[in-house]
Amino acid sequence: YLRADLLPAADAAKVRGLLKQYLDQRI
């Protein structure tokens, strides 16, 4: 989630959003 900031802004926002959804599924 922190390393997503290394990507371009639009891609970083997409990755962070997907990671939140993924985290919910893992819980």
mmCIF file of all heavy atoms, coordinates in Angstrom:
data_MODEL
# 
_entry.id   MODEL 
# 
loop_
_atom_site.group_PDB 
_atom_site.id 
_atom_site.type_symbol 
_atom_site.label_atom_id 
_atom_site.label_alt_id 
_atom_site.label_comp_id 
_atom_site.label_asym_id 
_atom_site.label_entity_id 
_atom_site.label_seq_id 
_atom_site.pdbx_PDB_ins_code 
_atom_site.Cartn_x 
_atom_site.Cartn_y 
_atom_site.Cartn_z 
_atom_site.occupancy 
_atom_site.B_iso_or_equiv 
_atom_site.pdbx_formal_charge 
_atom_site.auth_seq_id 
_atom_site.auth_comp_id 
_atom_site.auth_asym_id 
_atom_site.auth_atom_id 
_atom_site.pdbx_PDB_model_num 
ATOM 1   N N   . TYR A 1 1  ? 0.841   -1.203  0.000   1.00 0.00 ? 1  TYR A N   1 
ATOM 2   C CA  . TYR A 1 1  ? 0.000   0.000   0.000   1.00 0.00 ? 1  TYR A CA  1 
ATOM 3   C C   . TYR A 1 1  ? 0.879   1.256   0.000   1.00 0.00 ? 1  TYR A C   1 
ATOM 4   O O   . TYR A 1 1  ? 0.570   2.251   -0.664  1.00 0.00 ? 1  TYR A O   1 
ATOM 5   C CB  . TYR A 1 1  ? -0.920  -0.018  1.211   1.00 0.00 ? 1  TYR A CB  1 
ATOM 6   C CG  . TYR A 1 1  ? -2.008  1.031   1.177   1.00 0.00 ? 1  TYR A CG  1 
ATOM 7   C CD1 . TYR A 1 1  ? -3.237  0.775   0.579   1.00 0.00 ? 1  TYR A CD1 1 
ATOM 8   C CD2 . TYR A 1 1  ? -1.812  2.289   1.742   1.00 0.00 ? 1  TYR A CD2 1 
ATOM 9   C CE1 . TYR A 1 1  ? -4.237  1.737   0.546   1.00 0.00 ? 1  TYR A CE1 1 
ATOM 10  C CE2 . TYR A 1 1  ? -2.795  3.258   1.717   1.00 0.00 ? 1  TYR A CE2 1 
ATOM 11  C CZ  . TYR A 1 1  ? -4.008  2.968   1.119   1.00 0.00 ? 1  TYR A CZ  1 
ATOM 12  O OH  . TYR A 1 1  ? -4.996  3.939   1.080   1.00 0.00 ? 1  TYR A OH  1 
ATOM 13  N N   . LEU A 1 2  ? 1.968   1.197   0.770   1.00 0.00 ? 2  LEU A N   1 
ATOM 14  C CA  . LEU A 1 2  ? 2.891   2.332   0.798   1.00 0.00 ? 2  LEU A CA  1 
ATOM 15  C C   . LEU A 1 2  ? 3.691   2.433   -0.505  1.00 0.00 ? 2  LEU A C   1 
ATOM 16  O O   . LEU A 1 2  ? 3.932   3.528   -1.016  1.00 0.00 ? 2  LEU A O   1 
ATOM 17  C CB  . LEU A 1 2  ? 3.843   2.204   1.984   1.00 0.00 ? 2  LEU A CB  1 
ATOM 18  C CG  . LEU A 1 2  ? 3.201   2.256   3.372   1.00 0.00 ? 2  LEU A CG  1 
ATOM 19  C CD1 . LEU A 1 2  ? 4.246   2.017   4.455   1.00 0.00 ? 2  LEU A CD1 1 
ATOM 20  C CD2 . LEU A 1 2  ? 2.502   3.589   3.593   1.00 0.00 ? 2  LEU A CD2 1 
ATOM 21  N N   . ARG A 1 3  ? 4.105   1.309   -1.049  1.00 0.00 ? 3  ARG A N   1 
ATOM 22  C CA  . ARG A 1 3  ? 4.894   1.318   -2.283  1.00 0.00 ? 3  ARG A CA  1 
ATOM 23  C C   . ARG A 1 3  ? 4.068   1.770   -3.489  1.00 0.00 ? 3  ARG A C   1 
ATOM 24  O O   . ARG A 1 3  ? 4.643   2.122   -4.523  1.00 0.00 ? 3  ARG A O   1 
ATOM 25  C CB  . ARG A 1 3  ? 5.461   -0.076  -2.551  1.00 0.00 ? 3  ARG A CB  1 
ATOM 26  C CG  . ARG A 1 3  ? 6.586   -0.471  -1.616  1.00 0.00 ? 3  ARG A CG  1 
ATOM 27  C CD  . ARG A 1 3  ? 7.223   -1.769  -2.065  1.00 0.00 ? 3  ARG A CD  1 
ATOM 28  N NE  . ARG A 1 3  ? 8.286   -2.185  -1.170  1.00 0.00 ? 3  ARG A NE  1 
ATOM 29  C CZ  . ARG A 1 3  ? 9.063   -3.250  -1.356  1.00 0.00 ? 3  ARG A CZ  1 
ATOM 30  N NH1 . ARG A 1 3  ? 8.890   -3.998  -2.438  1.00 0.00 ? 3  ARG A NH1 1 
ATOM 31  N NH2 . ARG A 1 3  ? 10.000  -3.574  -0.488  1.00 0.00 ? 3  ARG A NH2 1 
ATOM 32  N N   . ALA A 1 4  ? 2.747   1.742   -3.361  1.00 0.00 ? 4  ALA A N   1 
ATOM 33  C CA  . ALA A 1 4  ? 1.916   2.200   -4.472  1.00 0.00 ? 4  ALA A CA  1 
ATOM 34  C C   . ALA A 1 4  ? 2.210   3.652   -4.816  1.00 0.00 ? 4  ALA A C   1 
ATOM 35  O O   . ALA A 1 4  ? 2.005   4.083   -5.964  1.00 0.00 ? 4  ALA A O   1 
ATOM 36  C CB  . ALA A 1 4  ? 0.435   2.026   -4.119  1.00 0.00 ? 4  ALA A CB  1 
ATOM 37  N N   . ASP A 1 5  ? 2.715   4.425   -3.837  1.00 0.00 ? 5  ASP A N   1 
ATOM 38  C CA  . ASP A 1 5  ? 3.049   5.826   -4.101  1.00 0.00 ? 5  ASP A CA  1 
ATOM 39  C C   . ASP A 1 5  ? 4.192   5.960   -5.107  1.00 0.00 ? 5  ASP A C   1 
ATOM 40  O O   . ASP A 1 5  ? 4.404   7.050   -5.663  1.00 0.00 ? 5  ASP A O   1 
ATOM 41  C CB  . ASP A 1 5  ? 3.441   6.532   -2.799  1.00 0.00 ? 5  ASP A CB  1 
ATOM 42  C CG  . ASP A 1 5  ? 2.244   6.739   -1.881  1.00 0.00 ? 5  ASP A CG  1 
ATOM 43  O OD1 . ASP A 1 5  ? 1.108   6.809   -2.407  1.00 0.00 ? 5  ASP A OD1 1 
ATOM 44  O OD2 . ASP A 1 5  ? 2.434   6.833   -0.658  1.00 0.00 ? 5  ASP A OD2 1 
ATOM 45  N N   . LEU A 1 6  ? 4.945   4.884   -5.342  1.00 0.00 ? 6  LEU A N   1 
ATOM 46  C CA  . LEU A 1 6  ? 6.037   4.923   -6.309  1.00 0.00 ? 6  LEU A CA  1 
ATOM 47  C C   . LEU A 1 6  ? 5.533   4.905   -7.748  1.00 0.00 ? 6  LEU A C   1 
ATOM 48  O O   . LEU A 1 6  ? 6.283   5.219   -8.665  1.00 0.00 ? 6  LEU A O   1 
ATOM 49  C CB  . LEU A 1 6  ? 6.987   3.744   -6.073  1.00 0.00 ? 6  LEU A CB  1 
ATOM 50  C CG  . LEU A 1 6  ? 7.622   3.650   -4.678  1.00 0.00 ? 6  LEU A CG  1 
ATOM 51  C CD1 . LEU A 1 6  ? 8.460   2.383   -4.564  1.00 0.00 ? 6  LEU A CD1 1 
ATOM 52  C CD2 . LEU A 1 6  ? 8.473   4.879   -4.388  1.00 0.00 ? 6  LEU A CD2 1 
ATOM 53  N N   . LEU A 1 7  ? 4.266   4.502   -7.929  1.00 0.00 ? 7  LEU A N   1 
ATOM 54  C CA  . LEU A 1 7  ? 3.686   4.446   -9.266  1.00 0.00 ? 7  LEU A CA  1 
ATOM 55  C C   . LEU A 1 7  ? 3.143   5.817   -9.673  1.00 0.00 ? 7  LEU A C   1 
ATOM 56  O O   . LEU A 1 7  ? 2.981   6.700   -8.814  1.00 0.00 ? 7  LEU A O   1 
ATOM 57  C CB  . LEU A 1 7  ? 2.551   3.410   -9.283  1.00 0.00 ? 7  LEU A CB  1 
ATOM 58  C CG  . LEU A 1 7  ? 2.926   1.956   -8.973  1.00 0.00 ? 7  LEU A CG  1 
ATOM 59  C CD1 . LEU A 1 7  ? 1.667   1.113   -8.818  1.00 0.00 ? 7  LEU A CD1 1 
ATOM 60  C CD2 . LEU A 1 7  ? 3.819   1.390   -10.073 1.00 0.00 ? 7  LEU A CD2 1 
ATOM 61  N N   . PRO A 1 8  ? 2.849   6.009   -10.933 1.00 0.00 ? 8  PRO A N   1 
ATOM 62  C CA  . PRO A 1 8  ? 2.164   7.253   -11.345 1.00 0.00 ? 8  PRO A CA  1 
ATOM 63  C C   . PRO A 1 8  ? 0.872   7.435   -10.545 1.00 0.00 ? 8  PRO A C   1 
ATOM 64  O O   . PRO A 1 8  ? 0.249   6.466   -10.107 1.00 0.00 ? 8  PRO A O   1 
ATOM 65  C CB  . PRO A 1 8  ? 1.897   7.013   -12.835 1.00 0.00 ? 8  PRO A CB  1 
ATOM 66  C CG  . PRO A 1 8  ? 2.965   6.056   -13.256 1.00 0.00 ? 8  PRO A CG  1 
ATOM 67  C CD  . PRO A 1 8  ? 3.209   5.167   -12.088 1.00 0.00 ? 8  PRO A CD  1 
ATOM 68  N N   . ALA A 1 9  ? 0.462   8.681   -10.382 1.00 0.00 ? 9  ALA A N   1 
ATOM 69  C CA  . ALA A 1 9  ? -0.645  9.016   -9.479  1.00 0.00 ? 9  ALA A CA  1 
ATOM 70  C C   . ALA A 1 9  ? -1.909  8.225   -9.781  1.00 0.00 ? 9  ALA A C   1 
ATOM 71  O O   . ALA A 1 9  ? -2.549  7.679   -8.869  1.00 0.00 ? 9  ALA A O   1 
ATOM 72  C CB  . ALA A 1 9  ? -0.925  10.517  -9.558  1.00 0.00 ? 9  ALA A CB  1 
ATOM 73  N N   . ALA A 1 10 ? -2.304  8.151   -11.038 1.00 0.00 ? 10 ALA A N   1 
ATOM 74  C CA  . ALA A 1 10 ? -3.541  7.448   -11.389 1.00 0.00 ? 10 ALA A CA  1 
ATOM 75  C C   . ALA A 1 10 ? -3.437  5.957   -11.082 1.00 0.00 ? 10 ALA A C   1 
ATOM 76  O O   . ALA A 1 10 ? -4.364  5.343   -10.526 1.00 0.00 ? 10 ALA A O   1 
ATOM 77  C CB  . ALA A 1 10 ? -3.859  7.663   -12.868 1.00 0.00 ? 10 ALA A CB  1 
ATOM 78  N N   . ASP A 1 11 ? -2.294  5.367   -11.413 1.00 0.00 ? 11 ASP A N   1 
ATOM 79  C CA  . ASP A 1 11 ? -2.090  3.936   -11.129 1.00 0.00 ? 11 ASP A CA  1 
ATOM 80  C C   . ASP A 1 11 ? -2.006  3.678   -9.635  1.00 0.00 ? 11 ASP A C   1 
ATOM 81  O O   . ASP A 1 11 ? -2.498  2.655   -9.138  1.00 0.00 ? 11 ASP A O   1 
ATOM 82  C CB  . ASP A 1 11 ? -0.817  3.450   -11.816 1.00 0.00 ? 11 ASP A CB  1 
ATOM 83  C CG  . ASP A 1 11 ? -0.918  3.527   -13.336 1.00 0.00 ? 11 ASP A CG  1 
ATOM 84  O OD1 . ASP A 1 11 ? -1.924  3.052   -13.888 1.00 0.00 ? 11 ASP A OD1 1 
ATOM 85  O OD2 . ASP A 1 11 ? 0.009   4.077   -13.952 1.00 0.00 ? 11 ASP A OD2 1 
ATOM 86  N N   . ALA A 1 12 ? -1.384  4.606   -8.901  1.00 0.00 ? 12 ALA A N   1 
ATOM 87  C CA  . ALA A 1 12 ? -1.270  4.441   -7.449  1.00 0.00 ? 12 ALA A CA  1 
ATOM 88  C C   . ALA A 1 12 ? -2.638  4.430   -6.796  1.00 0.00 ? 12 ALA A C   1 
ATOM 89  O O   . ALA A 1 12 ? -2.922  3.617   -5.900  1.00 0.00 ? 12 ALA A O   1 
ATOM 90  C CB  . ALA A 1 12 ? -0.409  5.562   -6.866  1.00 0.00 ? 12 ALA A CB  1 
ATOM 91  N N   . ALA A 1 13 ? -3.517  5.350   -7.226  1.00 0.00 ? 13 ALA A N   1 
ATOM 92  C CA  . ALA A 1 13 ? -4.865  5.404   -6.655  1.00 0.00 ? 13 ALA A CA  1 
ATOM 93  C C   . ALA A 1 13 ? -5.631  4.115   -6.950  1.00 0.00 ? 13 ALA A C   1 
ATOM 94  O O   . ALA A 1 13 ? -6.355  3.594   -6.092  1.00 0.00 ? 13 ALA A O   1 
ATOM 95  C CB  . ALA A 1 13 ? -5.611  6.610   -7.220  1.00 0.00 ? 13 ALA A CB  1 
ATOM 96  N N   . LYS A 1 14 ? -5.454  3.578   -8.158  1.00 0.00 ? 14 LYS A N   1 
ATOM 97  C CA  . LYS A 1 14 ? -6.134  2.334   -8.520  1.00 0.00 ? 14 LYS A CA  1 
ATOM 98  C C   . LYS A 1 14 ? -5.639  1.165   -7.677  1.00 0.00 ? 14 LYS A C   1 
ATOM 99  O O   . LYS A 1 14 ? -6.441  0.364   -7.176  1.00 0.00 ? 14 LYS A O   1 
ATOM 100 C CB  . LYS A 1 14 ? -5.914  2.050   -10.000 1.00 0.00 ? 14 LYS A CB  1 
ATOM 101 C CG  . LYS A 1 14 ? -6.597  0.770   -10.485 1.00 0.00 ? 14 LYS A CG  1 
ATOM 102 C CD  . LYS A 1 14 ? -6.342  0.538   -11.960 1.00 0.00 ? 14 LYS A CD  1 
ATOM 103 C CE  . LYS A 1 14 ? -7.019  -0.747  -12.422 1.00 0.00 ? 14 LYS A CE  1 
ATOM 104 N NZ  . LYS A 1 14 ? -6.773  -1.017  -13.870 1.00 0.00 ? 14 LYS A NZ  1 
ATOM 105 N N   . VAL A 1 15 ? -4.327  1.082   -7.498  1.00 0.00 ? 15 VAL A N   1 
ATOM 106 C CA  . VAL A 1 15 ? -3.747  -0.014  -6.713  1.00 0.00 ? 15 VAL A CA  1 
ATOM 107 C C   . VAL A 1 15 ? -4.205  0.064   -5.264  1.00 0.00 ? 15 VAL A C   1 
ATOM 108 O O   . VAL A 1 15 ? -4.573  -0.955  -4.661  1.00 0.00 ? 15 VAL A O   1 
ATOM 109 C CB  . VAL A 1 15 ? -2.211  0.012   -6.803  1.00 0.00 ? 15 VAL A CB  1 
ATOM 110 C CG1 . VAL A 1 15 ? -1.593  -0.944  -5.779  1.00 0.00 ? 15 VAL A CG1 1 
ATOM 111 C CG2 . VAL A 1 15 ? -1.761  -0.359  -8.207  1.00 0.00 ? 15 VAL A CG2 1 
ATOM 112 N N   . ARG A 1 16 ? -4.221  1.260   -4.688  1.00 0.00 ? 16 ARG A N   1 
ATOM 113 C CA  . ARG A 1 16 ? -4.646  1.395   -3.290  1.00 0.00 ? 16 ARG A CA  1 
ATOM 114 C C   . ARG A 1 16 ? -6.116  1.001   -3.121  1.00 0.00 ? 16 ARG A C   1 
ATOM 115 O O   . ARG A 1 16 ? -6.478  0.349   -2.143  1.00 0.00 ? 16 ARG A O   1 
ATOM 116 C CB  . ARG A 1 16 ? -4.411  2.830   -2.812  1.00 0.00 ? 16 ARG A CB  1 
ATOM 117 C CG  . ARG A 1 16 ? -2.953  3.148   -2.531  1.00 0.00 ? 16 ARG A CG  1 
ATOM 118 C CD  . ARG A 1 16 ? -2.818  4.425   -1.721  1.00 0.00 ? 16 ARG A CD  1 
ATOM 119 N NE  . ARG A 1 16 ? -3.232  5.585   -2.527  1.00 0.00 ? 16 ARG A NE  1 
ATOM 120 C CZ  . ARG A 1 16 ? -2.397  6.337   -3.225  1.00 0.00 ? 16 ARG A CZ  1 
ATOM 121 N NH1 . ARG A 1 16 ? -1.102  6.042   -3.241  1.00 0.00 ? 16 ARG A NH1 1 
ATOM 122 N NH2 . ARG A 1 16 ? -2.846  7.367   -3.924  1.00 0.00 ? 16 ARG A NH2 1 
ATOM 123 N N   . GLY A 1 17 ? -6.952  1.395   -4.077  1.00 0.00 ? 17 GLY A N   1 
ATOM 124 C CA  . GLY A 1 17 ? -8.357  1.011   -4.009  1.00 0.00 ? 17 GLY A CA  1 
ATOM 125 C C   . GLY A 1 17 ? -8.540  -0.493  -4.098  1.00 0.00 ? 17 GLY A C   1 
ATOM 126 O O   . GLY A 1 17 ? -9.334  -1.087  -3.348  1.00 0.00 ? 17 GLY A O   1 
ATOM 127 N N   . LEU A 1 18 ? -7.799  -1.134  -5.005  1.00 0.00 ? 18 LEU A N   1 
ATOM 128 C CA  . LEU A 1 18 ? -7.881  -2.591  -5.133  1.00 0.00 ? 18 LEU A CA  1 
ATOM 129 C C   . LEU A 1 18 ? -7.341  -3.301  -3.898  1.00 0.00 ? 18 LEU A C   1 
ATOM 130 O O   . LEU A 1 18 ? -7.882  -4.331  -3.474  1.00 0.00 ? 18 LEU A O   1 
ATOM 131 C CB  . LEU A 1 18 ? -7.109  -3.041  -6.374  1.00 0.00 ? 18 LEU A CB  1 
ATOM 132 C CG  . LEU A 1 18 ? -7.731  -2.693  -7.730  1.00 0.00 ? 18 LEU A CG  1 
ATOM 133 C CD1 . LEU A 1 18 ? -6.759  -3.032  -8.859  1.00 0.00 ? 18 LEU A CD1 1 
ATOM 134 C CD2 . LEU A 1 18 ? -9.047  -3.436  -7.929  1.00 0.00 ? 18 LEU A CD2 1 
ATOM 135 N N   . LEU A 1 19 ? -6.286  -2.748  -3.303  1.00 0.00 ? 19 LEU A N   1 
ATOM 136 C CA  . LEU A 1 19 ? -5.717  -3.360  -2.095  1.00 0.00 ? 19 LEU A CA  1 
ATOM 137 C C   . LEU A 1 19 ? -6.705  -3.321  -0.931  1.00 0.00 ? 19 LEU A C   1 
ATOM 138 O O   . LEU A 1 19 ? -6.772  -4.262  -0.134  1.00 0.00 ? 19 LEU A O   1 
ATOM 139 C CB  . LEU A 1 19 ? -4.421  -2.653  -1.707  1.00 0.00 ? 19 LEU A CB  1 
ATOM 140 C CG  . LEU A 1 19 ? -3.166  -3.034  -2.504  1.00 0.00 ? 19 LEU A CG  1 
ATOM 141 C CD1 . LEU A 1 19 ? -1.997  -2.141  -2.120  1.00 0.00 ? 19 LEU A CD1 1 
ATOM 142 C CD2 . LEU A 1 19 ? -2.813  -4.506  -2.280  1.00 0.00 ? 19 LEU A CD2 1 
ATOM 143 N N   . LYS A 1 20 ? -7.478  -2.256  -0.820  1.00 0.00 ? 20 LYS A N   1 
ATOM 144 C CA  . LYS A 1 20 ? -8.492  -2.178  0.235   1.00 0.00 ? 20 LYS A CA  1 
ATOM 145 C C   . LYS A 1 20 ? -9.560  -3.251  0.034   1.00 0.00 ? 20 LYS A C   1 
ATOM 146 O O   . LYS A 1 20 ? -9.987  -3.909  0.988   1.00 0.00 ? 20 LYS A O   1 
ATOM 147 C CB  . LYS A 1 20 ? -9.120  -0.789  0.258   1.00 0.00 ? 20 LYS A CB  1 
ATOM 148 C CG  . LYS A 1 20 ? -8.215  0.307   0.803   1.00 0.00 ? 20 LYS A CG  1 
ATOM 149 C CD  . LYS A 1 20 ? -8.931  1.648   0.821   1.00 0.00 ? 20 LYS A CD  1 
ATOM 150 C CE  . LYS A 1 20 ? -8.040  2.744   1.391   1.00 0.00 ? 20 LYS A CE  1 
ATOM 151 N NZ  . LYS A 1 20 ? -8.717  4.063   1.414   1.00 0.00 ? 20 LYS A NZ  1 
ATOM 152 N N   . GLN A 1 21 ? -9.979  -3.429  -1.220  1.00 0.00 ? 21 GLN A N   1 
ATOM 153 C CA  . GLN A 1 21 ? -10.963 -4.479  -1.497  1.00 0.00 ? 21 GLN A CA  1 
ATOM 154 C C   . GLN A 1 21 ? -10.372 -5.865  -1.217  1.00 0.00 ? 21 GLN A C   1 
ATOM 155 O O   . GLN A 1 21 ? -11.039 -6.743  -0.653  1.00 0.00 ? 21 GLN A O   1 
ATOM 156 C CB  . GLN A 1 21 ? -11.412 -4.395  -2.959  1.00 0.00 ? 21 GLN A CB  1 
ATOM 157 C CG  . GLN A 1 21 ? -12.131 -3.121  -3.333  1.00 0.00 ? 21 GLN A CG  1 
ATOM 158 C CD  . GLN A 1 21 ? -12.511 -3.101  -4.807  1.00 0.00 ? 21 GLN A CD  1 
ATOM 159 O OE1 . GLN A 1 21 ? -12.974 -4.113  -5.363  1.00 0.00 ? 21 GLN A OE1 1 
ATOM 160 N NE2 . GLN A 1 21 ? -12.304 -1.963  -5.468  1.00 0.00 ? 21 GLN A NE2 1 
ATOM 161 N N   . TYR A 1 22 ? -9.127  -6.032  -1.609  1.00 0.00 ? 22 TYR A N   1 
ATOM 162 C CA  . TYR A 1 22 ? -8.447  -7.309  -1.391  1.00 0.00 ? 22 TYR A CA  1 
ATOM 163 C C   . TYR A 1 22 ? -8.298  -7.595  0.103   1.00 0.00 ? 22 TYR A C   1 
ATOM 164 O O   . TYR A 1 22 ? -8.503  -8.735  0.557   1.00 0.00 ? 22 TYR A O   1 
ATOM 165 C CB  . TYR A 1 22 ? -7.075  -7.266  -2.064  1.00 0.00 ? 22 TYR A CB  1 
ATOM 166 C CG  . TYR A 1 22 ? -6.274  -8.540  -1.943  1.00 0.00 ? 22 TYR A CG  1 
ATOM 167 C CD1 . TYR A 1 22 ? -6.584  -9.651  -2.717  1.00 0.00 ? 22 TYR A CD1 1 
ATOM 168 C CD2 . TYR A 1 22 ? -5.198  -8.618  -1.063  1.00 0.00 ? 22 TYR A CD2 1 
ATOM 169 C CE1 . TYR A 1 22 ? -5.841  -10.812 -2.620  1.00 0.00 ? 22 TYR A CE1 1 
ATOM 170 C CE2 . TYR A 1 22 ? -4.455  -9.773  -0.953  1.00 0.00 ? 22 TYR A CE2 1 
ATOM 171 C CZ  . TYR A 1 22 ? -4.777  -10.872 -1.732  1.00 0.00 ? 22 TYR A CZ  1 
ATOM 172 O OH  . TYR A 1 22 ? -4.047  -12.030 -1.626  1.00 0.00 ? 22 TYR A OH  1 
ATOM 173 N N   . LEU A 1 23 ? -7.991  -6.577  0.862   1.00 0.00 ? 23 LEU A N   1 
ATOM 174 C CA  . LEU A 1 23 ? -7.842  -6.724  2.304   1.00 0.00 ? 23 LEU A CA  1 
ATOM 175 C C   . LEU A 1 23 ? -9.151  -7.155  2.935   1.00 0.00 ? 23 LEU A C   1 
ATOM 176 O O   . LEU A 1 23 ? -9.172  -8.024  3.832   1.00 0.00 ? 23 LEU A O   1 
ATOM 177 C CB  . LEU A 1 23 ? -7.365  -5.397  2.906   1.00 0.00 ? 23 LEU A CB  1 
ATOM 178 C CG  . LEU A 1 23 ? -7.162  -5.338  4.421   1.00 0.00 ? 23 LEU A CG  1 
ATOM 179 C CD1 . LEU A 1 23 ? -6.166  -6.397  4.878   1.00 0.00 ? 23 LEU A CD1 1 
ATOM 180 C CD2 . LEU A 1 23 ? -6.678  -3.947  4.821   1.00 0.00 ? 23 LEU A CD2 1 
ATOM 181 N N   . ASP A 1 24 ? -10.253 -6.595  2.483   1.00 0.00 ? 24 ASP A N   1 
ATOM 182 C CA  . ASP A 1 24 ? -11.566 -7.000  2.999   1.00 0.00 ? 24 ASP A CA  1 
ATOM 183 C C   . ASP A 1 24 ? -11.839 -8.477  2.720   1.00 0.00 ? 24 ASP A C   1 
ATOM 184 O O   . ASP A 1 24 ? -12.392 -9.194  3.571   1.00 0.00 ? 24 ASP A O   1 
ATOM 185 C CB  . ASP A 1 24 ? -12.666 -6.142  2.377   1.00 0.00 ? 24 ASP A CB  1 
ATOM 186 C CG  . ASP A 1 24 ? -12.622 -4.693  2.856   1.00 0.00 ? 24 ASP A CG  1 
ATOM 187 O OD1 . ASP A 1 24 ? -12.057 -4.453  3.939   1.00 0.00 ? 24 ASP A OD1 1 
ATOM 188 O OD2 . ASP A 1 24 ? -13.146 -3.815  2.148   1.00 0.00 ? 24 ASP A OD2 1 
ATOM 189 N N   . GLN A 1 25 ? -11.475 -8.934  1.549   1.00 0.00 ? 25 GLN A N   1 
ATOM 190 C CA  . GLN A 1 25 ? -11.684 -10.339 1.195   1.00 0.00 ? 25 GLN A CA  1 
ATOM 191 C C   . GLN A 1 25 ? -10.820 -11.267 2.051   1.00 0.00 ? 25 GLN A C   1 
ATOM 192 O O   . GLN A 1 25 ? -11.265 -12.347 2.452   1.00 0.00 ? 25 GLN A O   1 
ATOM 193 C CB  . GLN A 1 25 ? -11.375 -10.557 -0.292  1.00 0.00 ? 25 GLN A CB  1 
ATOM 194 C CG  . GLN A 1 25 ? -12.365 -9.921  -1.243  1.00 0.00 ? 25 GLN A CG  1 
ATOM 195 C CD  . GLN A 1 25 ? -13.777 -10.439 -1.050  1.00 0.00 ? 25 GLN A CD  1 
ATOM 196 O OE1 . GLN A 1 25 ? -13.990 -11.644 -0.908  1.00 0.00 ? 25 GLN A OE1 1 
ATOM 197 N NE2 . GLN A 1 25 ? -14.742 -9.529  -1.051  1.00 0.00 ? 25 GLN A NE2 1 
ATOM 198 N N   . ARG A 1 26 ? -9.604  -10.841 2.345   1.00 0.00 ? 26 ARG A N   1 
ATOM 199 C CA  . ARG A 1 26 ? -8.733  -11.667 3.174   1.00 0.00 ? 26 ARG A CA  1 
ATOM 200 C C   . ARG A 1 26 ? -9.273  -11.764 4.608   1.00 0.00 ? 26 ARG A C   1 
ATOM 201 O O   . ARG A 1 26 ? -9.188  -12.815 5.234   1.00 0.00 ? 26 ARG A O   1 
ATOM 202 C CB  . ARG A 1 26 ? -7.305  -11.079 3.194   1.00 0.00 ? 26 ARG A CB  1 
ATOM 203 C CG  . ARG A 1 26 ? -6.620  -11.059 1.853   1.00 0.00 ? 26 ARG A CG  1 
ATOM 204 C CD  . ARG A 1 26 ? -6.671  -12.422 1.188   1.00 0.00 ? 26 ARG A CD  1 
ATOM 205 N NE  . ARG A 1 26 ? -5.990  -13.428 2.004   1.00 0.00 ? 26 ARG A NE  1 
ATOM 206 C CZ  . ARG A 1 26 ? -6.303  -14.711 1.997   1.00 0.00 ? 26 ARG A CZ  1 
ATOM 207 N NH1 . ARG A 1 26 ? -7.299  -15.154 1.251   1.00 0.00 ? 26 ARG A NH1 1 
ATOM 208 N NH2 . ARG A 1 26 ? -5.639  -15.565 2.748   1.00 0.00 ? 26 ARG A NH2 1 
ATOM 209 N N   . ILE A 1 27 ? -9.840  -10.701 5.119   1.00 0.00 ? 27 ILE A N   1 
ATOM 210 C CA  . ILE A 1 27 ? -10.443 -10.746 6.449   1.00 0.00 ? 27 ILE A CA  1 
ATOM 211 C C   . ILE A 1 27 ? -11.634 -11.697 6.454   1.00 0.00 ? 27 ILE A C   1 
ATOM 212 O O   . ILE A 1 27 ? -11.806 -12.506 7.382   1.00 0.00 ? 27 ILE A O   1 
ATOM 213 C CB  . ILE A 1 27 ? -10.869 -9.330  6.889   1.00 0.00 ? 27 ILE A CB  1 
ATOM 214 C CG1 . ILE A 1 27 ? -9.632  -8.458  7.116   1.00 0.00 ? 27 ILE A CG1 1 
ATOM 215 C CG2 . ILE A 1 27 ? -11.710 -9.380  8.161   1.00 0.00 ? 27 ILE A CG2 1 
ATOM 216 C CD1 . ILE A 1 27 ? -9.944  -7.000  7.407   1.00 0.00 ? 27 ILE A CD1 1 
# 
